[in-house]
Amino acid sequence: MRIYQVSAVTFLSTLGITDQPVFRLVVNGTVGAITMAWKTNNQIYVMERNVRNHDIRDPFQALQFVSILRRLADYGVDFRTKLLGRRLTISDVKVVQVSPTGGRQAMAGRGRGSREEKSRA
């Protein structure tokens, strides 16, 4: 469903990851297609028209489909490696505390369990 793909793009943009594609596999029986979405300048684009359909009953189309999936897997590994290369520090993360009354408080800093927070308790 398209809403899951758009939700994934929105979630990544809240983490500061934009201009990166999110892929989706759409299937109907033995026919499948791959769509893509990304966010640029606060606009989400979904590419789902004129995509190539692959019928996996045909060995040649199945081979093409598997080769595309393999390239997408390689892209995912490369993207993950690039993200892990520039990991966020604990001080970059905003911690949200939920009080028992249901209110939320945002705390900037090191997060729960830090030495500063323990010394105040």
PDB file of N, CA and C in Angstrom:
ATOM      1  N   MET A   1       0.835  -1.184   0.000  1.00  0.00           N
ATOM      2  CA  MET A   1       0.000   0.000   0.000  1.00  0.00           C
ATOM      3  C   MET A   1       0.879   1.247   0.000  1.00  0.00           C
ATOM      4  N   ARG A   2       0.440   2.219  -0.712  1.00  0.00           N
ATOM      5  CA  ARG A   2       1.199   3.450  -0.854  1.00  0.00           C
ATOM      6  C   ARG A   2       1.396   4.165   0.476  1.00  0.00           C
ATOM      7  N   ILE A   3       0.428   4.069   1.380  1.00  0.00           N
ATOM      8  CA  ILE A   3       0.529   4.795   2.645  1.00  0.00           C
ATOM      9  C   ILE A   3       1.726   4.329   3.470  1.00  0.00           C
ATOM     10  N   TYR A   4       2.087   3.047   3.385  1.00  0.00           N
ATOM     11  CA  TYR A   4       3.245   2.544   4.122  1.00  0.00           C
ATOM     12  C   TYR A   4       4.535   3.134   3.566  1.00  0.00           C
ATOM     13  N   GLN A   5       4.601   3.259   2.262  1.00  0.00           N
ATOM     14  CA  GLN A   5       5.789   3.817   1.634  1.00  0.00           C
ATOM     15  C   GLN A   5       5.943   5.292   1.992  1.00  0.00           C
ATOM     16  N   VAL A   6       4.859   6.033   1.935  1.00  0.00           N
ATOM     17  CA  VAL A   6       4.903   7.453   2.286  1.00  0.00           C
ATOM     18  C   VAL A   6       5.219   7.617   3.771  1.00  0.00           C
ATOM     19  N   SER A   7       4.691   6.738   4.614  1.00  0.00           N
ATOM     20  CA  SER A   7       5.008   6.794   6.041  1.00  0.00           C
ATOM     21  C   SER A   7       6.487   6.550   6.279  1.00  0.00           C
ATOM     22  N   ALA A   8       7.076   5.607   5.553  1.00  0.00           N
ATOM     23  CA  ALA A   8       8.509   5.331   5.696  1.00  0.00           C
ATOM     24  C   ALA A   8       9.341   6.544   5.273  1.00  0.00           C
ATOM     25  N   VAL A   9       8.952   7.200   4.187  1.00  0.00           N
ATOM     26  CA  VAL A   9       9.665   8.395   3.731  1.00  0.00           C
ATOM     27  C   VAL A   9       9.546   9.505   4.767  1.00  0.00           C
ATOM     28  N   THR A  10       8.357   9.676   5.321  1.00  0.00           N
ATOM     29  CA  THR A  10       8.137  10.704   6.341  1.00  0.00           C
ATOM     30  C   THR A  10       8.952  10.409   7.590  1.00  0.00           C
ATOM     31  N   PHE A  11       8.984   9.149   8.012  1.00  0.00           N
ATOM     32  CA  PHE A  11       9.754   8.764   9.189  1.00  0.00           C
ATOM     33  C   PHE A  11      11.234   9.055   8.977  1.00  0.00           C
ATOM     34  N   LEU A  12      11.762   8.677   7.814  1.00  0.00           N
ATOM     35  CA  LEU A  12      13.173   8.953   7.545  1.00  0.00           C
ATOM     36  C   LEU A  12      13.468  10.444   7.510  1.00  0.00           C
ATOM     37  N   SER A  13      12.520  11.241   7.008  1.00  0.00           N
ATOM     38  CA  SER A  13      12.760  12.685   6.950  1.00  0.00           C
ATOM     39  C   SER A  13      12.784  13.297   8.349  1.00  0.00           C
ATOM     40  N   THR A  14      12.032  12.726   9.294  1.00  0.00           N
ATOM     41  CA  THR A  14      12.104  13.234  10.666  1.00  0.00           C
ATOM     42  C   THR A  14      13.457  12.928  11.290  1.00  0.00           C
ATOM     43  N   LEU A  15      14.136  11.914  10.791  1.00  0.00           N
ATOM     44  CA  LEU A  15      15.489  11.601  11.258  1.00  0.00           C
ATOM     45  C   LEU A  15      16.548  12.394  10.512  1.00  0.00           C
ATOM     46  N   GLY A  16      16.107  13.220   9.561  1.00  0.00           N
ATOM     47  CA  GLY A  16      17.038  14.028   8.793  1.00  0.00           C
ATOM     48  C   GLY A  16      17.542  13.350   7.536  1.00  0.00           C
ATOM     49  N   ILE A  17      16.916  12.241   7.146  1.00  0.00           N
ATOM     50  CA  ILE A  17      17.341  11.507   5.956  1.00  0.00           C
ATOM     51  C   ILE A  17      16.360  11.833   4.838  1.00  0.00           C
ATOM     52  N   THR A  18      16.790  12.686   3.914  1.00  0.00           N
ATOM     53  CA  THR A  18      15.956  13.050   2.767  1.00  0.00           C
ATOM     54  C   THR A  18      16.736  12.764   1.490  1.00  0.00           C
ATOM     55  N   ASP A  19      16.076  12.888   0.369  1.00  0.00           N
ATOM     56  CA  ASP A  19      16.673  12.636  -0.946  1.00  0.00           C
ATOM     57  C   ASP A  19      17.207  11.215  -1.076  1.00  0.00           C
ATOM     58  N   GLN A  20      16.626  10.287  -0.321  1.00  0.00           N
ATOM     59  CA  GLN A  20      16.998   8.880  -0.418  1.00  0.00           C
ATOM     60  C   GLN A  20      15.750   8.089  -0.786  1.00  0.00           C
ATOM     61  N   PRO A  21      15.849   7.179  -1.739  1.00  0.00           N
ATOM     62  CA  PRO A  21      14.660   6.447  -2.170  1.00  0.00           C
ATOM     63  C   PRO A  21      14.218   5.391  -1.171  1.00  0.00           C
ATOM     64  N   VAL A  22      12.912   5.191  -1.122  1.00  0.00           N
ATOM     65  CA  VAL A  22      12.302   4.086  -0.378  1.00  0.00           C
ATOM     66  C   VAL A  22      11.574   3.248  -1.418  1.00  0.00           C
ATOM     67  N   PHE A  23      11.914   1.974  -1.491  1.00  0.00           N
ATOM     68  CA  PHE A  23      11.363   1.100  -2.513  1.00  0.00           C
ATOM     69  C   PHE A  23      10.217   0.269  -1.950  1.00  0.00           C
ATOM     70  N   ARG A  24       9.294  -0.106  -2.837  1.00  0.00           N
ATOM     71  CA  ARG A  24       8.134  -0.912  -2.452  1.00  0.00           C
ATOM     72  C   ARG A  24       7.904  -1.958  -3.531  1.00  0.00           C
ATOM     73  N   LEU A  25       7.610  -3.152  -3.092  1.00  0.00           N
ATOM     74  CA  LEU A  25       7.295  -4.245  -4.008  1.00  0.00           C
ATOM     75  C   LEU A  25       5.785  -4.386  -4.072  1.00  0.00           C
ATOM     76  N   VAL A  26       5.232  -4.274  -5.267  1.00  0.00           N
ATOM     77  CA  VAL A  26       3.798  -4.417  -5.490  1.00  0.00           C
ATOM     78  C   VAL A  26       3.590  -5.693  -6.291  1.00  0.00           C
ATOM     79  N   VAL A  27       2.778  -6.602  -5.768  1.00  0.00           N
ATOM     80  CA  VAL A  27       2.557  -7.875  -6.451  1.00  0.00           C
ATOM     81  C   VAL A  27       1.069  -8.131  -6.639  1.00  0.00           C
ATOM     82  N   ASN A  28       0.776  -8.850  -7.712  1.00  0.00           N
ATOM     83  CA  ASN A  28      -0.568  -9.326  -7.981  1.00  0.00           C
ATOM     84  C   ASN A  28      -0.408 -10.715  -8.582  1.00  0.00           C
ATOM     85  N   GLY A  29      -0.509 -11.719  -7.741  1.00  0.00           N
ATOM     86  CA  GLY A  29      -0.283 -13.084  -8.202  1.00  0.00           C
ATOM     87  C   GLY A  29       1.175 -13.287  -8.534  1.00  0.00           C
ATOM     88  N   THR A  30       1.465 -13.595  -9.785  1.00  0.00           N
ATOM     89  CA  THR A  30       2.848 -13.824 -10.197  1.00  0.00           C
ATOM     90  C   THR A  30       3.482 -12.605 -10.843  1.00  0.00           C
ATOM     91  N   VAL A  31       2.759 -11.504 -10.928  1.00  0.00           N
ATOM     92  CA  VAL A  31       3.271 -10.272 -11.538  1.00  0.00           C
ATOM     93  C   VAL A  31       3.661  -9.303 -10.434  1.00  0.00           C
ATOM     94  N   GLY A  32       4.873  -8.760 -10.540  1.00  0.00           N
ATOM     95  CA  GLY A  32       5.357  -7.828  -9.527  1.00  0.00           C
ATOM     96  C   GLY A  32       5.994  -6.607 -10.163  1.00  0.00           C
ATOM     97  N   ALA A  33       5.992  -5.516  -9.419  1.00  0.00           N
ATOM     98  CA  ALA A  33       6.626  -4.272  -9.857  1.00  0.00           C
ATOM     99  C   ALA A  33       7.250  -3.607  -8.638  1.00  0.00           C
ATOM    100  N   ILE A  34       8.249  -2.794  -8.888  1.00  0.00           N
ATOM    101  CA  ILE A  34       8.931  -2.072  -7.816  1.00  0.00           C
ATOM    102  C   ILE A  34       8.672  -0.587  -8.008  1.00  0.00           C
ATOM    103  N   THR A  35       8.182   0.060  -6.961  1.00  0.00           N
ATOM    104  CA  THR A  35       7.942   1.502  -6.996  1.00  0.00           C
ATOM    105  C   THR A  35       8.944   2.187  -6.076  1.00  0.00           C
ATOM    106  N   MET A  36       9.021   3.492  -6.168  1.00  0.00           N
ATOM    107  CA  MET A  36       9.989   4.249  -5.393  1.00  0.00           C
ATOM    108  C   MET A  36       9.367   5.552  -4.931  1.00  0.00           C
ATOM    109  N   ALA A  37       9.756   5.999  -3.748  1.00  0.00           N
ATOM    110  CA  ALA A  37       9.320   7.295  -3.232  1.00  0.00           C
ATOM    111  C   ALA A  37      10.506   7.968  -2.558  1.00  0.00           C
ATOM    112  N   TRP A  38      10.498   9.285  -2.519  1.00  0.00           N
ATOM    113  CA  TRP A  38      11.545  10.042  -1.844  1.00  0.00           C
ATOM    114  C   TRP A  38      11.000  11.404  -1.484  1.00  0.00           C
ATOM    115  N   LYS A  39      11.721  12.107  -0.617  1.00  0.00           N
ATOM    116  CA  LYS A  39      11.296  13.438  -0.185  1.00  0.00           C
ATOM    117  C   LYS A  39      12.389  14.441  -0.515  1.00  0.00           C
ATOM    118  N   THR A  40      11.977  15.521  -1.155  1.00  0.00           N
ATOM    119  CA  THR A  40      12.883  16.616  -1.496  1.00  0.00           C
ATOM    120  C   THR A  40      12.149  17.923  -1.263  1.00  0.00           C
ATOM    121  N   ASN A  41      12.779  18.839  -0.533  1.00  0.00           N
ATOM    122  CA  ASN A  41      12.206  20.177  -0.282  1.00  0.00           C
ATOM    123  C   ASN A  41      10.784  20.099   0.267  1.00  0.00           C
ATOM    124  N   ASN A  42      10.575  19.279   1.284  1.00  0.00           N
ATOM    125  CA  ASN A  42       9.268  19.101   1.935  1.00  0.00           C
ATOM    126  C   ASN A  42       8.175  18.619   0.987  1.00  0.00           C
ATOM    127  N   GLN A  43       8.549  17.975  -0.087  1.00  0.00           N
ATOM    128  CA  GLN A  43       7.594  17.402  -1.029  1.00  0.00           C
ATOM    129  C   GLN A  43       7.930  15.934  -1.210  1.00  0.00           C
ATOM    130  N   ILE A  44       6.927  15.058  -1.065  1.00  0.00           N
ATOM    131  CA  ILE A  44       7.133  13.622  -1.244  1.00  0.00           C
ATOM    132  C   ILE A  44       6.720  13.250  -2.658  1.00  0.00           C
ATOM    133  N   TYR A  45       7.605  12.568  -3.353  1.00  0.00           N
ATOM    134  CA  TYR A  45       7.352  12.108  -4.708  1.00  0.00           C
ATOM    135  C   TYR A  45       7.225  10.588  -4.699  1.00  0.00           C
ATOM    136  N   VAL A  46       6.211  10.075  -5.383  1.00  0.00           N
ATOM    137  CA  VAL A  46       6.005   8.632  -5.497  1.00  0.00           C
ATOM    138  C   VAL A  46       6.027   8.280  -6.976  1.00  0.00           C
ATOM    139  N   MET A  47       6.943   7.395  -7.343  1.00  0.00           N
ATOM    140  CA  MET A  47       7.054   6.959  -8.729  1.00  0.00           C
ATOM    141  C   MET A  47       6.390   5.588  -8.839  1.00  0.00           C
ATOM    142  N   GLU A  48       5.187   5.579  -9.386  1.00  0.00           N
ATOM    143  CA  GLU A  48       4.477   4.307  -9.519  1.00  0.00           C
ATOM    144  C   GLU A  48       3.776   4.167 -10.867  1.00  0.00           C
ATOM    145  N   ARG A  49       4.027   5.076 -11.767  1.00  0.00           N
ATOM    146  CA  ARG A  49       3.470   4.975 -13.119  1.00  0.00           C
ATOM    147  C   ARG A  49       4.573   4.574 -14.081  1.00  0.00           C
ATOM    148  N   ASN A  50       4.191   3.837 -15.094  1.00  0.00           N
ATOM    149  CA  ASN A  50       5.126   3.385 -16.125  1.00  0.00           C
ATOM    150  C   ASN A  50       6.296   2.584 -15.558  1.00  0.00           C
ATOM    151  N   VAL A  51       6.045   1.832 -14.486  1.00  0.00           N
ATOM    152  CA  VAL A  51       7.093   0.963 -13.949  1.00  0.00           C
ATOM    153  C   VAL A  51       7.043  -0.373 -14.690  1.00  0.00           C
ATOM    154  N   ARG A  52       8.131  -1.070 -14.674  1.00  0.00           N
ATOM    155  CA  ARG A  52       8.236  -2.355 -15.377  1.00  0.00           C
ATOM    156  C   ARG A  52       7.592  -3.450 -14.542  1.00  0.00           C
ATOM    157  N   ASN A  53       6.656  -4.179 -15.141  1.00  0.00           N
ATOM    158  CA  ASN A  53       6.047  -5.338 -14.489  1.00  0.00           C
ATOM    159  C   ASN A  53       6.823  -6.590 -14.874  1.00  0.00           C
ATOM    160  N   HIS A  54       7.023  -7.461 -13.911  1.00  0.00           N
ATOM    161  CA  HIS A  54       7.747  -8.709 -14.144  1.00  0.00           C
ATOM    162  C   HIS A  54       6.828  -9.875 -13.799  1.00  0.00           C
ATOM    163  N   ASP A  55       6.652 -10.776 -14.740  1.00  0.00           N
ATOM    164  CA  ASP A  55       5.882 -11.995 -14.504  1.00  0.00           C
ATOM    165  C   ASP A  55       6.882 -13.104 -14.204  1.00  0.00           C
ATOM    166  N   ILE A  56       6.904 -13.573 -12.952  1.00  0.00           N
ATOM    167  CA  ILE A  56       7.941 -14.528 -12.555  1.00  0.00           C
ATOM    168  C   ILE A  56       7.700 -15.933 -13.114  1.00  0.00           C
ATOM    169  N   ARG A  57       6.569 -16.149 -13.820  1.00  0.00           N
ATOM    170  CA  ARG A  57       6.384 -17.441 -14.502  1.00  0.00           C
ATOM    171  C   ARG A  57       7.319 -17.574 -15.696  1.00  0.00           C
ATOM    172  N   ASP A  58       7.707 -16.451 -16.277  1.00  0.00           N
ATOM    173  CA  ASP A  58       8.649 -16.435 -17.395  1.00  0.00           C
ATOM    174  C   ASP A  58      10.066 -16.419 -16.813  1.00  0.00           C
ATOM    175  N   PRO A  59      10.897 -17.423 -17.126  1.00  0.00           N
ATOM    176  CA  PRO A  59      12.242 -17.491 -16.533  1.00  0.00           C
ATOM    177  C   PRO A  59      13.100 -16.252 -16.793  1.00  0.00           C
ATOM    178  N   PHE A  60      13.005 -15.675 -17.984  1.00  0.00           N
ATOM    179  CA  PHE A  60      13.802 -14.486 -18.292  1.00  0.00           C
ATOM    180  C   PHE A  60      13.371 -13.295 -17.436  1.00  0.00           C
ATOM    181  N   GLN A  61      12.057 -13.076 -17.302  1.00  0.00           N
ATOM    182  CA  GLN A  61      11.560 -11.985 -16.470  1.00  0.00           C
ATOM    183  C   GLN A  61      11.875 -12.222 -14.998  1.00  0.00           C
ATOM    184  N   ALA A  62      11.829 -13.482 -14.567  1.00  0.00           N
ATOM    185  CA  ALA A  62      12.179 -13.805 -13.179  1.00  0.00           C
ATOM    186  C   ALA A  62      13.647 -13.476 -12.913  1.00  0.00           C
ATOM    187  N   LEU A  63      14.520 -13.774 -13.869  1.00  0.00           N
ATOM    188  CA  LEU A  63      15.935 -13.460 -13.726  1.00  0.00           C
ATOM    189  C   LEU A  63      16.157 -11.952 -13.668  1.00  0.00           C
ATOM    190  N   GLN A  64      15.464 -11.205 -14.511  1.00  0.00           N
ATOM    191  CA  GLN A  64      15.570  -9.742 -14.471  1.00  0.00           C
ATOM    192  C   GLN A  64      15.108  -9.201 -13.122  1.00  0.00           C
ATOM    193  N   PHE A  65      14.000  -9.742 -12.634  1.00  0.00           N
ATOM    194  CA  PHE A  65      13.439  -9.287 -11.365  1.00  0.00           C
ATOM    195  C   PHE A  65      14.402  -9.562 -10.217  1.00  0.00           C
ATOM    196  N   VAL A  66      14.984 -10.755 -10.185  1.00  0.00           N
ATOM    197  CA  VAL A  66      15.930 -11.110  -9.124  1.00  0.00           C
ATOM    198  C   VAL A  66      17.182 -10.234  -9.204  1.00  0.00           C
ATOM    199  N   SER A  67      17.635  -9.921 -10.414  1.00  0.00           N
ATOM    200  CA  SER A  67      18.824  -9.070 -10.532  1.00  0.00           C
ATOM    201  C   SER A  67      18.548  -7.661 -10.015  1.00  0.00           C
ATOM    202  N   ILE A  68      17.340  -7.163 -10.224  1.00  0.00           N
ATOM    203  CA  ILE A  68      16.968  -5.846  -9.685  1.00  0.00           C
ATOM    204  C   ILE A  68      16.922  -5.899  -8.163  1.00  0.00           C
ATOM    205  N   LEU A  69      16.318  -6.953  -7.615  1.00  0.00           N
ATOM    206  CA  LEU A  69      16.253  -7.079  -6.160  1.00  0.00           C
ATOM    207  C   LEU A  69      17.653  -7.171  -5.555  1.00  0.00           C
ATOM    208  N   ARG A  70      18.558  -7.847  -6.236  1.00  0.00           N
ATOM    209  CA  ARG A  70      19.936  -7.956  -5.748  1.00  0.00           C
ATOM    210  C   ARG A  70      20.608  -6.587  -5.731  1.00  0.00           C
ATOM    211  N   ARG A  71      20.399  -5.792  -6.770  1.00  0.00           N
ATOM    212  CA  ARG A  71      20.983  -4.441  -6.796  1.00  0.00           C
ATOM    213  C   ARG A  71      20.385  -3.563  -5.710  1.00  0.00           C
ATOM    214  N   LEU A  72      19.090  -3.718  -5.434  1.00  0.00           N
ATOM    215  CA  LEU A  72      18.477  -2.959  -4.345  1.00  0.00           C
ATOM    216  C   LEU A  72      19.050  -3.381  -2.997  1.00  0.00           C
ATOM    217  N   ALA A  73      19.315  -4.666  -2.818  1.00  0.00           N
ATOM    218  CA  ALA A  73      19.932  -5.141  -1.577  1.00  0.00           C
ATOM    219  C   ALA A  73      21.326  -4.551  -1.408  1.00  0.00           C
ATOM    220  N   ASP A  74      22.102  -4.506  -2.495  1.00  0.00           N
ATOM    221  CA  ASP A  74      23.432  -3.893  -2.441  1.00  0.00           C
ATOM    222  C   ASP A  74      23.327  -2.411  -2.092  1.00  0.00           C
ATOM    223  N   TYR A  75      22.346  -1.726  -2.678  1.00  0.00           N
ATOM    224  CA  TYR A  75      22.140  -0.310  -2.365  1.00  0.00           C
ATOM    225  C   TYR A  75      21.835  -0.138  -0.876  1.00  0.00           C
ATOM    226  N   GLY A  76      20.991  -1.008  -0.332  1.00  0.00           N
ATOM    227  CA  GLY A  76      20.656  -0.926   1.087  1.00  0.00           C
ATOM    228  C   GLY A  76      21.863  -1.126   1.984  1.00  0.00           C
ATOM    229  N   VAL A  77      22.722  -2.060   1.637  1.00  0.00           N
ATOM    230  CA  VAL A  77      23.930  -2.302   2.428  1.00  0.00           C
ATOM    231  C   VAL A  77      24.864  -1.093   2.348  1.00  0.00           C
ATOM    232  N   ASP A  78      25.038  -0.534   1.151  1.00  0.00           N
ATOM    233  CA  ASP A  78      25.889   0.648   0.994  1.00  0.00           C
ATOM    234  C   ASP A  78      25.338   1.840   1.767  1.00  0.00           C
ATOM    235  N   PHE A  79      24.022   2.031   1.718  1.00  0.00           N
ATOM    236  CA  PHE A  79      23.399   3.146   2.426  1.00  0.00           C
ATOM    237  C   PHE A  79      23.550   2.970   3.935  1.00  0.00           C
ATOM    238  N   ARG A  80      23.363   1.751   4.413  1.00  0.00           N
ATOM    239  CA  ARG A  80      23.528   1.473   5.854  1.00  0.00           C
ATOM    240  C   ARG A  80      24.961   1.743   6.286  1.00  0.00           C
ATOM    241  N   THR A  81      25.925   1.332   5.493  1.00  0.00           N
ATOM    242  CA  THR A  81      27.332   1.570   5.813  1.00  0.00           C
ATOM    243  C   THR A  81      27.630   3.062   5.868  1.00  0.00           C
ATOM    244  N   LYS A  82      27.052   3.814   4.930  1.00  0.00           N
ATOM    245  CA  LYS A  82      27.258   5.264   4.924  1.00  0.00           C
ATOM    246  C   LYS A  82      26.637   5.909   6.157  1.00  0.00           C
ATOM    247  N   LEU A  83      25.449   5.441   6.560  1.00  0.00           N
ATOM    248  CA  LEU A  83      24.820   5.990   7.761  1.00  0.00           C
ATOM    249  C   LEU A  83      25.596   5.659   9.016  1.00  0.00           C
ATOM    250  N   LEU A  84      26.075   4.431   9.128  1.00  0.00           N
ATOM    251  CA  LEU A  84      26.836   4.041  10.308  1.00  0.00           C
ATOM    252  C   LEU A  84      28.176   4.749  10.375  1.00  0.00           C
ATOM    253  N   GLY A  85      28.673   5.204   9.241  1.00  0.00           N
ATOM    254  CA  GLY A  85      29.921   5.950   9.217  1.00  0.00           C
ATOM    255  C   GLY A  85      29.801   7.305   9.883  1.00  0.00           C
ATOM    256  N   ARG A  86      28.623   7.841   9.931  1.00  0.00           N
ATOM    257  CA  ARG A  86      28.401   9.137  10.591  1.00  0.00           C
ATOM    258  C   ARG A  86      27.318   9.004  11.651  1.00  0.00           C
ATOM    259  N   ARG A  87      27.571   8.152  12.616  1.00  0.00           N
ATOM    260  CA  ARG A  87      26.624   7.907  13.695  1.00  0.00           C
ATOM    261  C   ARG A  87      26.359   9.159  14.499  1.00  0.00           C
ATOM    262  N   LEU A  88      25.167   9.236  15.033  1.00  0.00           N
ATOM    263  CA  LEU A  88      24.824  10.341  15.914  1.00  0.00           C
ATOM    264  C   LEU A  88      25.401  10.087  17.295  1.00  0.00           C
ATOM    265  N   THR A  89      25.794  11.140  17.952  1.00  0.00           N
ATOM    266  CA  THR A  89      26.212  11.003  19.336  1.00  0.00           C
ATOM    267  C   THR A  89      24.976  11.084  20.226  1.00  0.00           C
ATOM    268  N   ILE A  90      25.127  10.659  21.456  1.00  0.00           N
ATOM    269  CA  ILE A  90      23.993  10.667  22.387  1.00  0.00           C
ATOM    270  C   ILE A  90      23.485  12.094  22.588  1.00  0.00           C
ATOM    271  N   SER A  91      24.357  13.087  22.547  1.00  0.00           N
ATOM    272  CA  SER A  91      23.917  14.466  22.774  1.00  0.00           C
ATOM    273  C   SER A  91      23.091  15.004  21.612  1.00  0.00           C
ATOM    274  N   ASP A  92      23.119  14.350  20.447  1.00  0.00           N
ATOM    275  CA  ASP A  92      22.333  14.795  19.299  1.00  0.00           C
ATOM    276  C   ASP A  92      20.882  14.334  19.371  1.00  0.00           C
ATOM    277  N   VAL A  93      20.581  13.413  20.266  1.00  0.00           N
ATOM    278  CA  VAL A  93      19.255  12.808  20.318  1.00  0.00           C
ATOM    279  C   VAL A  93      18.374  13.581  21.287  1.00  0.00           C
ATOM    280  N   LYS A  94      17.165  13.851  20.891  1.00  0.00           N
ATOM    281  CA  LYS A  94      16.193  14.513  21.752  1.00  0.00           C
ATOM    282  C   LYS A  94      15.349  13.428  22.414  1.00  0.00           C
ATOM    283  N   VAL A  95      15.323  13.407  23.745  1.00  0.00           N
ATOM    284  CA  VAL A  95      14.583  12.400  24.496  1.00  0.00           C
ATOM    285  C   VAL A  95      13.235  12.998  24.886  1.00  0.00           C
ATOM    286  N   VAL A  96      12.176  12.246  24.677  1.00  0.00           N
ATOM    287  CA  VAL A  96      10.837  12.689  25.047  1.00  0.00           C
ATOM    288  C   VAL A  96      10.382  11.854  26.232  1.00  0.00           C
ATOM    289  N   GLN A  97      10.064  12.522  27.333  1.00  0.00           N
ATOM    290  CA  GLN A  97       9.586  11.840  28.523  1.00  0.00           C
ATOM    291  C   GLN A  97       8.086  11.988  28.592  1.00  0.00           C
ATOM    292  N   VAL A  98       7.394  10.905  28.905  1.00  0.00           N
ATOM    293  CA  VAL A  98       5.949  10.937  29.063  1.00  0.00           C
ATOM    294  C   VAL A  98       5.651  10.856  30.552  1.00  0.00           C
ATOM    295  N   SER A  99       4.946  11.853  31.058  1.00  0.00           N
ATOM    296  CA  SER A  99       4.613  11.860  32.482  1.00  0.00           C
ATOM    297  C   SER A  99       3.404  10.969  32.727  1.00  0.00           C
ATOM    298  N   PRO A 100       3.179  10.554  33.972  1.00  0.00           N
ATOM    299  CA  PRO A 100       2.031   9.700  34.270  1.00  0.00           C
ATOM    300  C   PRO A 100       0.694  10.345  33.931  1.00  0.00           C
ATOM    301  N   THR A 101       0.651  11.675  33.863  1.00  0.00           N
ATOM    302  CA  THR A 101      -0.602  12.350  33.531  1.00  0.00           C
ATOM    303  C   THR A 101      -0.834  12.428  32.039  1.00  0.00           C
ATOM    304  N   GLY A 102       0.113  11.941  31.262  1.00  0.00           N
ATOM    305  CA  GLY A 102      -0.059  11.918  29.814  1.00  0.00           C
ATOM    306  C   GLY A 102       0.604  13.055  29.084  1.00  0.00           C
ATOM    307  N   GLY A 103       1.213  14.005  29.787  1.00  0.00           N
ATOM    308  CA  GLY A 103       1.900  15.112  29.132  1.00  0.00           C
ATOM    309  C   GLY A 103       3.279  14.701  28.673  1.00  0.00           C
ATOM    310  N   ARG A 104       3.807  15.421  27.725  1.00  0.00           N
ATOM    311  CA  ARG A 104       5.140  15.120  27.212  1.00  0.00           C
ATOM    312  C   ARG A 104       6.073  16.273  27.499  1.00  0.00           C
ATOM    313  N   GLN A 105       7.316  15.931  27.787  1.00  0.00           N
ATOM    314  CA  GLN A 105       8.349  16.929  27.966  1.00  0.00           C
ATOM    315  C   GLN A 105       9.534  16.527  27.123  1.00  0.00           C
ATOM    316  N   ALA A 106      10.047  17.458  26.361  1.00  0.00           N
ATOM    317  CA  ALA A 106      11.240  17.173  25.559  1.00  0.00           C
ATOM    318  C   ALA A 106      12.460  17.576  26.358  1.00  0.00           C
ATOM    319  N   MET A 107      13.427  16.708  26.391  1.00  0.00           N
ATOM    320  CA  MET A 107      14.658  16.980  27.108  1.00  0.00           C
ATOM    321  C   MET A 107      15.807  16.909  26.116  1.00  0.00           C
ATOM    322  N   ALA A 108      16.549  17.970  25.993  1.00  0.00           N
ATOM    323  CA  ALA A 108      17.743  17.931  25.148  1.00  0.00           C
ATOM    324  C   ALA A 108      18.903  17.486  26.019  1.00  0.00           C
ATOM    325  N   GLY A 109      19.853  16.853  25.413  1.00  0.00           N
ATOM    326  CA  GLY A 109      21.017  16.452  26.194  1.00  0.00           C
ATOM    327  C   GLY A 109      21.317  14.995  26.041  1.00  0.00           C
ATOM    328  N   ARG A 110      21.850  14.436  27.114  1.00  0.00           N
ATOM    329  CA  ARG A 110      22.378  13.092  27.020  1.00  0.00           C
ATOM    330  C   ARG A 110      21.339  11.998  27.071  1.00  0.00           C
ATOM    331  N   GLY A 111      20.163  12.256  27.500  1.00  0.00           N
ATOM    332  CA  GLY A 111      19.154  11.203  27.551  1.00  0.00           C
ATOM    333  C   GLY A 111      19.002  10.647  28.950  1.00  0.00           C
ATOM    334  N   ARG A 112      18.081   9.724  29.092  1.00  0.00           N
ATOM    335  CA  ARG A 112      17.819   9.139  30.396  1.00  0.00           C
ATOM    336  C   ARG A 112      19.001   8.318  30.855  1.00  0.00           C
ATOM    337  N   GLY A 113      19.225   8.339  32.141  1.00  0.00           N
ATOM    338  CA  GLY A 113      20.274   7.525  32.719  1.00  0.00           C
ATOM    339  C   GLY A 113      21.645   8.172  32.668  1.00  0.00           C
ATOM    340  N   SER A 114      21.726   9.434  32.304  1.00  0.00           N
ATOM    341  CA  SER A 114      23.029  10.082  32.270  1.00  0.00           C
ATOM    342  C   SER A 114      23.491  10.397  33.690  1.00  0.00           C
ATOM    343  N   ARG A 115      24.764  10.654  33.845  1.00  0.00           N
ATOM    344  CA  ARG A 115      25.321  10.935  35.178  1.00  0.00           C
ATOM    345  C   ARG A 115      24.703  12.183  35.775  1.00  0.00           C
ATOM    346  N   GLU A 116      24.492  13.215  34.935  1.00  0.00           N
ATOM    347  CA  GLU A 116      23.920  14.452  35.441  1.00  0.00           C
ATOM    348  C   GLU A 116      22.529  14.220  35.993  1.00  0.00           C
ATOM    349  N   GLU A 117      21.742  13.407  35.330  1.00  0.00           N
ATOM    350  CA  GLU A 117      20.377  13.149  35.749  1.00  0.00           C
ATOM    351  C   GLU A 117      20.372  12.319  37.025  1.00  0.00           C
ATOM    352  N   LYS A 118      21.280  11.351  37.154  1.00  0.00           N
ATOM    353  CA  LYS A 118      21.352  10.515  38.347  1.00  0.00           C
ATOM    354  C   LYS A 118      21.786  11.310  39.557  1.00  0.00           C
ATOM    355  N   SER A 119      22.677  12.311  39.344  1.00  0.00           N
ATOM    356  CA  SER A 119      23.152  13.097  40.475  1.00  0.00           C
ATOM    357  C   SER A 119      22.059  14.006  41.011  1.00  0.00           C
ATOM    358  N   ARG A 120      21.094  14.391  40.158  1.00  0.00           N
ATOM    359  CA  ARG A 120      19.982  15.228  40.606  1.00  0.00           C
ATOM    360  C   ARG A 120      18.978  14.456  41.411  1.00  0.00           C
ATOM    361  N   ALA A 121      18.879  13.159  41.188  1.00  0.00           N
ATOM    362  CA  ALA A 121      17.848  12.333  41.846  1.00  0.00           C
ATOM    363  C   ALA A 121      18.126  12.084  43.307  1.00  0.00           C
TER     364      ALA A 121
END
